[in-house]
Each structure stands twice: as structure tokens, then as C-alpha cells.
Protein backbone atom coordinates (compact mmCIF):
# COMPACT_ATOMS: atom_id res chain seq x y z
CA MET A 1 17.42 10.25 -19.91
CA SER A 2 17.09 7.00 -17.80
CA ALA A 3 16.28 3.55 -19.26
CA ALA A 4 13.03 3.97 -17.68
CA GLN A 5 11.94 6.62 -19.31
CA ARG A 6 12.98 5.74 -22.60
CA ASP A 7 11.20 2.52 -22.15
CA PRO A 8 8.10 2.47 -20.15
CA ARG A 9 8.57 -1.47 -19.91
CA ALA A 10 12.08 -1.26 -18.52
CA GLN A 11 12.15 -2.87 -14.93
CA PRO A 12 14.18 -1.86 -11.77
CA VAL A 13 16.15 -4.90 -10.36
CA GLN A 14 14.19 -6.17 -7.88
CA SER A 15 16.02 -8.27 -5.04
CA HIS A 16 13.56 -9.93 -3.23
CA PRO A 17 10.25 -11.32 -4.10
CA VAL A 18 7.20 -8.76 -3.12
CA ILE A 19 4.59 -10.70 -1.21
CA ARG A 20 1.48 -8.98 0.36
CA ARG A 21 -1.20 -10.57 2.39
CA TYR A 22 -5.02 -9.55 2.49
CA GLN A 23 -7.56 -10.32 5.08
CA PRO A 24 -10.98 -10.79 3.64
CA PRO A 25 -12.41 -7.11 4.24
CA ALA A 26 -14.65 -6.70 7.61
CA GLY A 27 -18.60 -6.56 7.06
CA LEU A 28 -21.79 -8.94 6.54
CA GLN A 29 -21.95 -9.05 2.96
CA GLU A 30 -18.41 -10.49 2.80
CA ALA A 31 -18.92 -13.06 5.63
CA LEU A 32 -22.29 -14.13 4.52
CA VAL A 33 -21.79 -14.29 0.49
CA ALA A 34 -18.07 -15.96 1.22
CA ALA A 35 -19.58 -18.75 3.34
CA VAL A 36 -22.63 -19.21 0.72
CA MET A 37 -20.16 -19.15 -2.16
CA ARG A 38 -17.91 -21.92 -0.41
CA VAL A 39 -20.50 -24.24 0.43
CA ALA A 40 -22.19 -23.64 -3.43
CA LEU A 41 -18.72 -24.76 -4.95
CA LYS A 42 -17.94 -27.37 -2.82
CA VAL A 43 -21.17 -28.94 -3.40
CA THR A 44 -22.17 -27.93 -6.88
CA LEU A 45 -18.90 -28.04 -8.69
CA LYS A 46 -15.92 -29.43 -7.20
CA PRO A 47 -17.87 -32.97 -7.66
CA PHE A 48 -18.14 -32.51 -11.00
CA LEU A 49 -15.01 -31.20 -12.37
CA GLY A 50 -12.74 -34.02 -12.91
CA PRO A 51 -13.12 -37.65 -12.91
CA PRO A 52 -15.42 -39.84 -13.42
CA TRP A 53 -17.48 -37.28 -15.22
CA PRO A 54 -16.70 -36.93 -19.10
CA PHE A 55 -15.58 -33.41 -20.41
CA SER A 56 -18.96 -32.31 -21.64
CA VAL A 57 -20.39 -32.63 -17.82
CA GLN A 58 -17.58 -30.62 -16.55
CA ARG A 59 -18.06 -27.89 -19.47
CA ALA A 60 -21.76 -27.71 -18.56
CA ALA A 61 -21.44 -27.57 -14.81
CA LEU A 62 -18.49 -24.61 -15.44
CA ALA A 63 -21.14 -22.78 -17.76
CA MET A 64 -23.89 -23.43 -15.73
CA GLY A 65 -22.15 -22.07 -12.65
CA SER A 66 -20.69 -18.81 -14.20
CA SER A 67 -24.27 -17.70 -15.50
CA LEU A 68 -25.17 -17.17 -11.73
CA MET A 69 -22.25 -14.46 -11.61
CA PRO A 70 -23.54 -10.38 -12.04
CA GLN A 71 -22.02 -8.76 -15.14
CA ASP A 72 -21.00 -5.24 -15.10
CA SER A 73 -23.55 -3.02 -17.20
CA ARG A 74 -20.64 -0.75 -17.95
CA ALA A 75 -19.22 -2.84 -20.78
CA GLN A 76 -20.59 -4.06 -23.48
CA VAL A 77 -19.50 -7.38 -25.53
CA LYS A 78 -19.19 -7.83 -29.43
CA ALA A 79 -18.45 -11.21 -31.14
CA ASP A 80 -15.52 -11.58 -33.54
CA LYS A 81 -13.15 -13.67 -35.67
CA ILE A 82 -9.39 -13.57 -35.56
CA ASP A 83 -7.82 -15.93 -37.91
CA GLN A 84 -11.18 -18.64 -37.50
CA ILE A 85 -10.58 -18.14 -33.51
CA PRO A 86 -13.81 -16.78 -32.32
CA VAL A 87 -13.30 -13.73 -29.82
CA GLU A 88 -15.28 -11.70 -27.74
CA ARG A 89 -14.00 -8.01 -27.84
CA VAL A 90 -15.40 -6.40 -24.69
CA THR A 91 -15.33 -2.29 -24.54
CA PRO A 92 -16.75 0.27 -22.13
CA LYS A 93 -19.85 1.86 -23.13
CA SER A 94 -18.63 5.31 -22.35
CA GLY A 95 -15.06 6.22 -24.19
CA PRO A 96 -13.55 6.42 -27.26
CA ALA A 97 -14.73 3.70 -30.07
CA LYS A 98 -10.95 2.50 -29.90
CA PRO A 99 -9.23 2.59 -26.29
CA ARG A 100 -6.06 3.24 -26.09
CA HIS A 101 -5.18 0.23 -24.48
CA ALA A 102 -5.91 -3.29 -24.59
CA ILE A 103 -5.98 -6.67 -22.32
CA LEU A 104 -5.82 -10.01 -23.61
CA TYR A 105 -7.67 -12.15 -21.37
CA LEU A 106 -6.93 -15.85 -21.47
CA HIS A 107 -10.01 -17.81 -19.19
CA GLY A 108 -9.56 -20.70 -17.34
CA GLY A 109 -11.33 -24.14 -17.03
CA ALA A 110 -8.31 -26.27 -17.21
CA PHE A 111 -7.68 -26.13 -20.64
CA VAL A 112 -10.83 -28.43 -21.18
CA ALA A 113 -13.75 -25.97 -20.30
CA GLY A 114 -14.49 -22.52 -20.14
CA SER A 115 -15.17 -19.70 -22.65
CA PRO A 116 -15.21 -15.93 -23.12
CA ARG A 117 -18.76 -16.23 -21.82
CA THR A 118 -18.00 -17.97 -18.65
CA HIS A 119 -15.61 -15.42 -17.73
CA ARG A 120 -17.43 -12.14 -18.27
CA SER A 121 -17.93 -11.19 -14.90
CA ILE A 122 -14.23 -10.55 -14.93
CA THR A 123 -13.63 -9.09 -18.46
CA ARG A 124 -16.76 -6.77 -18.38
CA ARG A 125 -15.31 -5.37 -14.96
CA LEU A 126 -11.85 -4.96 -16.38
CA ALA A 127 -13.04 -3.19 -19.42
CA ALA A 128 -15.29 -0.83 -17.44
CA THR A 129 -12.75 -0.05 -15.11
CA THR A 130 -9.54 0.19 -17.02
CA GLY A 131 -10.78 2.04 -19.95
CA ALA A 132 -9.54 -0.65 -21.97
CA MET A 133 -10.57 -3.14 -25.12
CA VAL A 134 -10.46 -6.85 -23.51
CA LEU A 135 -10.05 -9.42 -26.01
CA VAL A 136 -11.07 -12.79 -25.12
CA PRO A 137 -10.45 -15.52 -27.43
CA ASP A 138 -12.42 -18.96 -27.40
CA TYR A 139 -9.15 -20.94 -27.71
CA ARG A 140 -9.13 -24.39 -28.88
CA LEU A 141 -9.80 -26.87 -26.13
CA ALA A 142 -8.66 -30.24 -24.92
CA PRO A 143 -9.05 -33.20 -25.65
CA GLU A 144 -10.44 -32.11 -29.08
CA SER A 145 -7.39 -30.23 -29.59
CA PRO A 146 -4.59 -31.13 -27.89
CA PHE A 147 -1.53 -29.01 -26.74
CA PRO A 148 0.15 -26.48 -28.20
CA ALA A 149 -2.95 -25.68 -29.91
CA GLN A 150 -4.12 -23.61 -26.81
CA ILE A 151 -1.15 -21.34 -26.90
CA ASP A 152 -1.09 -21.06 -30.62
CA ASP A 153 -4.36 -19.37 -30.67
CA CYS A 154 -3.86 -17.15 -27.97
CA VAL A 155 -0.08 -16.13 -29.45
CA ALA A 156 -2.44 -15.16 -32.64
CA CYS A 157 -4.82 -13.13 -30.57
CA TYR A 158 -1.49 -11.37 -29.29
CA ARG A 159 -0.09 -10.41 -32.57
CA GLN A 160 -3.56 -9.27 -33.83
CA LEU A 161 -3.54 -6.65 -31.12
CA LEU A 162 -0.24 -5.66 -32.68
CA ARG A 163 -1.45 -5.57 -36.15
CA GLU A 164 -4.33 -3.30 -35.07
CA GLY A 165 -1.59 -0.85 -33.80
CA TYR A 166 -1.96 -1.39 -30.17
CA ALA A 167 1.75 -0.63 -28.88
CA PRO A 168 2.96 -3.49 -26.48
CA GLU A 169 3.40 -1.02 -23.59
CA ARG A 170 -0.24 -0.55 -23.80
CA ILE A 171 -1.11 -4.12 -23.82
CA SER A 172 -1.28 -6.33 -20.79
CA ILE A 173 -2.15 -10.29 -21.14
CA ALA A 174 -4.33 -11.67 -18.25
CA GLY A 175 -5.82 -15.02 -17.21
CA ASP A 176 -7.03 -17.31 -14.55
CA SER A 177 -6.14 -20.87 -13.77
CA ALA A 178 -5.34 -22.66 -17.04
CA GLY A 179 -5.46 -19.17 -18.53
CA GLY A 180 -2.80 -17.94 -15.91
CA ASN A 181 -0.56 -20.65 -17.27
CA LEU A 182 -1.46 -19.64 -20.88
CA THR A 183 -0.61 -15.75 -19.76
CA TYR A 184 2.91 -17.05 -18.64
CA MET A 185 3.10 -19.12 -21.79
CA THR A 186 1.80 -16.48 -24.51
CA ALA A 187 4.15 -13.89 -23.20
CA ILE A 188 7.03 -16.50 -23.68
CA ALA A 189 5.95 -17.97 -26.98
CA ALA A 190 5.33 -14.42 -28.33
CA MET A 191 8.76 -13.27 -27.51
CA ASN A 192 10.33 -16.30 -28.76
CA ALA A 193 8.76 -15.78 -31.92
CA GLY A 194 10.25 -12.34 -31.93
CA MET A 195 7.51 -10.18 -30.86
CA PRO A 196 8.03 -7.54 -28.37
CA GLY A 197 6.70 -8.56 -24.93
CA PRO A 198 3.68 -6.81 -23.16
CA ALA A 199 3.67 -4.20 -20.66
CA SER A 200 2.84 -6.50 -18.06
CA LEU A 201 1.16 -9.75 -16.99
CA VAL A 202 -1.55 -10.52 -14.14
CA LEU A 203 -2.18 -14.17 -13.51
CA MET A 204 -4.93 -15.30 -11.24
CA SER A 205 -3.94 -18.49 -9.88
CA PRO A 206 -1.79 -20.14 -12.58
CA ALA A 207 -1.85 -23.48 -12.79
CA LEU A 208 1.88 -24.08 -13.81
CA SER A 209 1.75 -27.86 -12.72
CA LEU A 210 0.17 -30.05 -10.26
CA GLN A 211 2.82 -32.26 -9.73
CA PRO A 212 4.11 -31.72 -5.73
CA GLN A 213 7.42 -30.27 -5.38
CA ALA A 214 9.79 -30.51 -2.28
CA GLY A 215 7.69 -29.14 0.68
CA SER A 216 4.05 -29.07 -1.11
CA THR A 217 1.40 -28.03 0.17
CA ILE A 218 -0.70 -29.12 -2.58
CA SER A 219 -1.97 -32.15 -0.41
CA GLU A 220 -2.86 -30.44 2.44
CA ARG A 221 -4.78 -27.72 0.53
CA GLU A 222 -6.83 -30.13 -1.29
CA ALA A 223 -9.31 -30.18 1.28
CA ARG A 224 -9.42 -26.64 1.88
CA ASP A 225 -10.00 -25.74 -1.66
CA PRO A 226 -13.54 -26.09 -2.50
CA MET A 227 -13.03 -26.29 -6.09
CA ILE A 228 -9.86 -28.67 -7.46
CA ARG A 229 -9.43 -31.98 -6.81
CA LEU A 230 -6.02 -33.06 -7.56
CA ALA A 231 -7.59 -36.31 -9.72
CA TRP A 232 -8.82 -33.29 -12.40
CA GLY A 233 -5.09 -32.46 -12.88
CA GLN A 234 -4.53 -35.77 -13.70
CA ASP A 235 -7.36 -35.74 -16.22
CA ILE A 236 -6.26 -32.75 -18.05
CA GLU A 237 -2.89 -34.20 -18.85
CA ARG A 238 -3.97 -36.95 -20.69
CA ALA A 239 -6.31 -34.63 -22.30
CA LEU A 240 -3.62 -32.10 -23.20
CA LYS A 241 -1.11 -35.02 -24.86
CA VAL A 242 1.85 -32.61 -24.19
CA PRO A 243 4.92 -34.08 -26.05
CA PRO A 244 7.63 -34.05 -23.13
CA ASP A 245 10.40 -32.88 -25.45
CA HIS A 246 8.39 -29.89 -26.99
CA PRO A 247 10.26 -26.74 -25.63
CA LEU A 248 7.05 -25.13 -24.20
CA ALA A 249 5.96 -28.35 -22.55
CA ASP A 250 7.30 -27.15 -19.09
CA PRO A 251 6.22 -23.93 -17.96
CA MET A 252 9.04 -24.20 -15.01
CA ALA A 253 11.64 -24.71 -17.25
CA GLN A 254 11.26 -21.34 -19.58
CA ASP A 255 14.14 -18.48 -19.64
CA LEU A 256 12.37 -15.50 -17.28
CA SER A 257 15.18 -13.25 -18.33
CA ARG A 258 12.71 -11.15 -20.15
CA PHE A 259 9.73 -11.81 -18.50
CA PRO A 260 7.35 -8.74 -18.25
CA PRO A 261 6.42 -7.00 -14.86
CA SER A 262 4.05 -9.49 -13.33
CA LEU A 263 1.05 -9.28 -10.69
CA ILE A 264 0.03 -12.80 -9.35
CA GLN A 265 -3.09 -13.17 -7.23
CA VAL A 266 -3.95 -16.25 -5.42
CA GLY A 267 -6.07 -17.84 -2.42
CA ASP A 268 -4.75 -19.14 0.54
CA ASP A 269 -7.01 -21.82 0.88
CA GLU A 270 -6.21 -23.25 -3.03
CA VAL A 271 -4.06 -26.25 -4.17
CA LEU A 272 -2.38 -23.98 -6.75
CA TYR A 273 -1.01 -21.84 -3.94
CA ASP A 274 2.57 -23.02 -4.36
CA ASN A 275 2.40 -22.37 -7.98
CA ALA A 276 2.16 -18.83 -7.22
CA VAL A 277 4.98 -18.79 -5.00
CA TRP A 278 7.18 -20.34 -7.45
CA LEU A 279 6.62 -18.00 -9.95
CA VAL A 280 7.06 -14.97 -7.83
CA GLU A 281 10.58 -16.24 -6.55
CA ALA A 282 11.37 -17.62 -9.88
CA ALA A 283 10.39 -14.29 -11.52
CA THR A 284 12.51 -12.15 -9.11
CA ALA A 285 15.40 -14.62 -9.08
CA ALA A 286 15.80 -13.73 -12.96
CA GLY A 287 15.88 -10.11 -12.11
CA ARG A 288 12.43 -8.98 -12.99
CA THR A 289 9.50 -7.25 -11.21
CA SER A 290 7.00 -9.63 -9.67
CA GLU A 291 4.36 -8.96 -7.39
CA LEU A 292 2.54 -11.63 -5.38
CA GLU A 293 -0.87 -11.11 -3.85
CA ILE A 294 -2.10 -13.76 -1.09
CA TYR A 295 -5.87 -13.09 -0.02
CA LEU A 296 -6.39 -15.46 3.21
CA LYS A 297 -9.41 -17.51 3.33
CA ARG A 298 -10.31 -17.23 -0.27
CA TRP A 299 -10.57 -19.82 -2.70
CA HIS A 300 -9.87 -20.55 -6.39
CA VAL A 301 -10.56 -17.74 -8.87
CA PHE A 302 -12.33 -16.03 -6.14
CA GLN A 303 -11.92 -13.11 -8.40
CA ALA A 304 -14.90 -14.47 -10.72
CA HIS A 305 -17.31 -13.25 -7.90
CA ALA A 306 -17.07 -9.63 -8.71
CA SER A 307 -20.04 -7.50 -8.10
CA LEU A 308 -21.03 -10.17 -4.69
CA LEU A 309 -17.77 -9.97 -2.85
CA PRO A 310 -15.87 -6.84 -1.50
CA SER A 311 -12.93 -9.10 -1.72
CA SER A 312 -13.35 -9.96 -5.40
CA ILE A 313 -13.82 -6.28 -6.05
CA LYS A 314 -10.38 -5.27 -4.23
CA ALA A 315 -8.35 -7.98 -6.14
CA LEU A 316 -9.84 -6.53 -9.57
CA ASP A 317 -9.20 -3.24 -8.52
CA ARG A 318 -5.36 -4.00 -7.37
CA GLN A 319 -5.18 -5.58 -11.35
CA VAL A 320 -6.26 -2.10 -12.64
CA GLU A 321 -4.25 -0.21 -10.45
CA PHE A 322 -0.95 -2.85 -11.44
CA MET A 323 -2.02 -2.57 -15.02
CA LYS A 324 -2.07 1.19 -15.20
CA ARG A 325 1.22 1.73 -13.16
CA HIS A 326 3.24 -0.16 -16.16
CA TRP A 327 0.79 1.18 -19.28
CA ALA A 328 2.44 4.06 -21.22
CA LYS A 329 0.01 6.65 -21.45
């Protein structure tokens, strides 16, 4: 029996990065909705994410924008608590009371904003299309709770899934933006603490660093990105107060030798583009299975516009296919 047959999480050696590029789907709906969304984000959201606005305004802006996104009616939401951490459990309306698979979903919002409620356009669709239970922690935010409170809360929720009897080979961790960072760091921190790693990771526009690297396209993409300003990243660094000597301080300095299979999705028009490229190359160099999908003419976490944009639906469906491919039955 091969290693892959013995362990569903065993990975074949990958010699070069797997990178796919997708053009927006043809059709009037995609073109019109994309044009409207791009303008709306640039005018009503981007100016309010970052200085000079206080974090209370940023949280309100994100909450207001997300409230306009349609949600998948095939899934239901139940409030719960894990170790005093408020969470949402999102499950399909049809199917068993306890699904066999689970997704730990970590929302974005630059560590200072967002909540399970702001990301239901993604989490309810993932629950409906995978048949899994999607656990979404309302992890502590900065500046009220500086680093590593966010990682601690997410690791506690992953530990709870294991306690509830979900086998690690039937668990995925997924997240967007800051949640993509937490997806990465939760897997690392959990394995460092002796827990088994999940079957797979899905990272949408992971925010690993906003510091320009050699040959970086961050500055060039800032004008194209309808959501993110670099000044926001500097604001976040001050809010998080990351001790430079903390072992989890730098995502790009972590050992990826046990990194789970990962799917990374990024829009071509966003400042975090280089972060996604770095991750697929670093994971591949460590001998791990990693795939990068680049969605041309799309922006930061465009997947949140599910039910409006065919390209968003396509991206989420690709995530479902990836998770199912790596889950044990």
C-alpha cells in the first residue's frame, strides 16, 4: 500500500509551482456587475479603510458593505461559543445533523474589522456546496487585543473541531485577506503545538506582508486595487503590536516542511498579489502541494460577491473541488 493510500494527507513531491490564470467569464452580467462593483468599492469602501479614520469607522464601513451581499439560502447559521469565543456554525439545511466534514473559516478585515456576519456570502455558500459544517470564529480584534490573540482564538477553534470528533483528514481551514494569514498561521501554530494538520488550506488573497520585496509590484498595483491602500497596512502594524522576537511574528520565516496542501486564490489587480506568488513558490520549494489561481481583472476577495459575479461563483466552486479532492471520505 502506498503512502498516499495509507494517509489521505500524504503529498506527492511537487517540483514546480502550479499556477493557473483565469479570464473573467464572458457575458453581460459579469461585465456590468464587475464594473459597478469596482466603482462602488473605490468610492464607498477604499477611502474609509485606513487612516485618518478610526477603527470604529472602518468596522462600520465593512459591515455596511457586506450587508448588501446576497447570502445562500441553502445554509443556516447558528450562534455558539467555544472557550468564550463567539462563533457561528453554518450548516446545510439538508443533510445529516452533524456533517462528516468541517471547514474552519477565518474572516478577513485586516485584524481590526470584520466578523462572521460580514462573510456570510462566502461561508453560507461553502456550507451549501460542500455539505460541511463551517465554523467561523469571531476572533478578538486589534487594537483592543494585540497579537497573537487572533491566532490563539483560531487555534482554540481548530482544537475544538478535533475534540468534537472531526478527523483532521476531514477538516479544511480557509480564510480571506487577514483570514488568509490566519489560515496559514493557525495551521503552523496548531502543528507546532502537537496537533495534526488539517487536510487542506484555502487562502484567498492572504495578507502575509505589505512590505515591498525585491521586484515587488505592491506600489504599482495600489492604483489598480479598488479596496486596499498601503497606508492601511501601516495602520494595522501599529494596532497589532507584534513583538519582533515572537516565533510567529513573521509568516515568511516559518517552517513549511509539514505545510498542508494549499490552494491560493488572488486577483490580478490587488496589492497582495506578490504575497500569493511568494506562498506558492515557498510551499513548492519545501516539497509541499500548492496551487495558485490568478483571476485576471479581479480585485481583493472578489469571492465575497458570490451570487452576483459568475467569476466569484467559479472561484468558490474551485475551492470546493480542491477541498473535496483532499478530504477523506
